């Protein structure tokens, strides 16, 4: 029976080795697939910037887990875009100061887009 547990433990470890992670306040780790997470963040950011945030009953899980992270600022830095023209940037969607200090997701208010169709 011990070898079965060892095998299962090794399989879990190997599966997690391909995942990114960060430490939560309670000492556990939150694991996520980097590509899948970035895809979800892109789609969420796209909908938010089009004014269709209501399509999402709640923000992507990684944002909620950042609130529980031991060091939210470090996680935000890791998820920051590589170049300034990137479409999805958490600092454009949520107030990062509040996220880091109070561990809450507070959406930034954007001015409505002017209708130029006339």
Protein backbone atom coordinates (compact mmCIF):
# COMPACT_ATOMS: atom_id res chain seq x y z
CA UNK A 1 0.00 0.00 0.00
CA UNK A 2 2.90 2.32 0.74
CA UNK A 3 4.18 2.09 -2.83
CA UNK A 4 0.78 3.09 -4.19
CA UNK A 5 0.80 6.22 -2.02
CA UNK A 6 4.34 6.99 -3.09
CA UNK A 7 3.38 6.55 -6.73
CA UNK A 8 0.37 8.85 -6.34
CA UNK A 9 2.47 11.46 -4.52
CA UNK A 10 5.09 11.34 -7.29
CA UNK A 11 2.42 11.69 -9.99
CA UNK A 12 0.98 14.77 -8.26
CA UNK A 13 4.46 16.27 -7.89
CA UNK A 14 5.24 15.67 -11.57
CA UNK A 15 1.93 17.19 -12.67
CA UNK A 16 2.56 20.27 -10.53
CA UNK A 17 6.10 20.71 -11.84
CA UNK A 18 4.63 22.04 -15.09
CA UNK A 19 2.43 24.54 -13.27
CA UNK A 20 3.18 27.99 -11.90
CA UNK A 21 2.35 28.66 -8.26
CA UNK A 22 2.47 31.15 -5.44
CA UNK A 23 2.20 30.85 -1.67
CA UNK A 24 -1.06 31.74 0.04
CA UNK A 25 -1.36 33.35 3.49
CA UNK A 26 -2.21 30.01 5.09
CA UNK A 27 1.07 28.51 3.80
CA UNK A 28 -0.52 26.39 1.07
CA UNK A 29 0.30 26.91 -2.59
CA UNK A 30 -2.03 27.94 -5.39
CA UNK A 31 -1.11 26.16 -8.64
CA UNK A 32 -2.21 27.39 -12.04
CA UNK A 33 -1.55 26.62 -15.67
CA UNK A 34 0.18 29.69 -17.03
CA UNK A 35 -1.22 29.56 -20.57
CA UNK A 36 -4.77 28.74 -19.49
CA UNK A 37 -4.69 31.51 -16.89
CA UNK A 38 -3.39 34.10 -19.35
CA UNK A 39 -6.10 33.07 -21.80
CA UNK A 40 -8.76 33.59 -19.14
CA UNK A 41 -7.25 36.93 -18.07
CA UNK A 42 -7.19 38.08 -21.69
CA UNK A 43 -10.87 37.20 -22.20
CA UNK A 44 -11.86 38.84 -18.92
CA UNK A 45 -9.84 41.98 -19.71
CA UNK A 46 -11.34 42.13 -23.19
CA UNK A 47 -14.90 41.98 -21.83
CA UNK A 48 -14.15 44.54 -19.10
CA UNK A 49 -12.65 47.01 -21.56
CA UNK A 50 -15.66 46.59 -23.87
CA UNK A 51 -17.95 47.39 -20.94
CA UNK A 52 -19.22 43.81 -20.76
CA UNK A 53 -17.84 42.84 -17.35
CA UNK A 54 -21.31 41.61 -16.40
CA UNK A 55 -20.59 38.51 -18.53
CA UNK A 56 -18.43 37.39 -15.60
CA UNK A 57 -20.36 36.64 -12.40
CA UNK A 58 -17.01 36.93 -10.61
CA UNK A 59 -13.45 37.67 -11.71
CA UNK A 60 -11.12 34.85 -12.78
CA UNK A 61 -9.97 32.62 -9.93
CA UNK A 62 -6.36 33.79 -10.09
CA UNK A 63 -7.45 37.36 -9.18
CA UNK A 64 -9.37 36.04 -6.17
CA UNK A 65 -6.34 33.97 -5.14
CA UNK A 66 -4.05 37.02 -5.39
CA UNK A 67 -6.14 38.49 -2.56
CA UNK A 68 -5.17 35.44 -0.48
CA UNK A 69 -1.49 35.47 -1.50
CA UNK A 70 1.20 35.88 1.12
CA UNK A 71 2.80 38.57 -1.10
CA UNK A 72 0.18 40.00 -3.50
CA UNK A 73 2.60 42.61 -4.88
CA UNK A 74 5.05 39.91 -5.98
CA UNK A 75 2.27 37.93 -7.69
CA UNK A 76 1.06 41.06 -9.50
CA UNK A 77 4.61 41.74 -10.66
CA UNK A 78 4.84 38.18 -12.00
CA UNK A 79 1.56 38.59 -13.92
CA UNK A 80 2.46 42.04 -15.27
CA UNK A 81 2.72 42.25 -19.07
CA UNK A 82 6.15 42.06 -20.65
CA UNK A 83 5.58 45.19 -22.71
CA UNK A 84 3.50 48.33 -22.07
CA UNK A 85 1.22 47.85 -25.08
CA UNK A 86 -0.12 44.51 -23.79
CA UNK A 87 -3.87 44.30 -23.87
CA UNK A 88 -4.38 42.77 -20.43
CA UNK A 89 -2.87 44.47 -17.42
CA UNK A 90 -4.37 43.95 -13.98
CA UNK A 91 -3.50 47.55 -13.08
CA UNK A 92 -5.93 48.67 -15.81
CA UNK A 93 -8.79 46.57 -14.39
CA UNK A 94 -8.44 46.62 -10.59
CA UNK A 95 -7.07 49.13 -8.09
CA UNK A 96 -3.78 47.40 -7.31
CA UNK A 97 -3.05 49.55 -4.25
CA UNK A 98 -6.25 48.33 -2.60
CA UNK A 99 -5.61 44.78 -3.79
CA UNK A 100 -2.17 44.76 -2.13
CA UNK A 101 -3.03 46.65 1.07
CA UNK A 102 -6.60 45.51 1.76
CA UNK A 103 -6.68 42.28 -0.27
CA UNK A 104 -9.87 43.25 -2.07
CA UNK A 105 -10.74 43.46 -5.77
CA UNK A 106 -12.00 46.95 -6.52
CA UNK A 107 -12.68 47.54 -10.23
CA UNK A 108 -11.40 50.79 -11.68
CA UNK A 109 -14.06 53.09 -13.04
CA UNK A 110 -13.57 53.95 -16.68
CA UNK A 111 -15.17 56.95 -18.31
CA UNK A 112 -17.80 55.91 -20.86
CA UNK A 113 -16.57 55.84 -24.43
CA UNK A 114 -17.83 58.77 -26.48
CA UNK A 115 -20.27 57.79 -29.21
CA UNK A 116 -18.76 59.06 -32.47
CA UNK A 117 -21.32 57.44 -34.76
CA UNK A 118 -23.11 60.69 -35.60
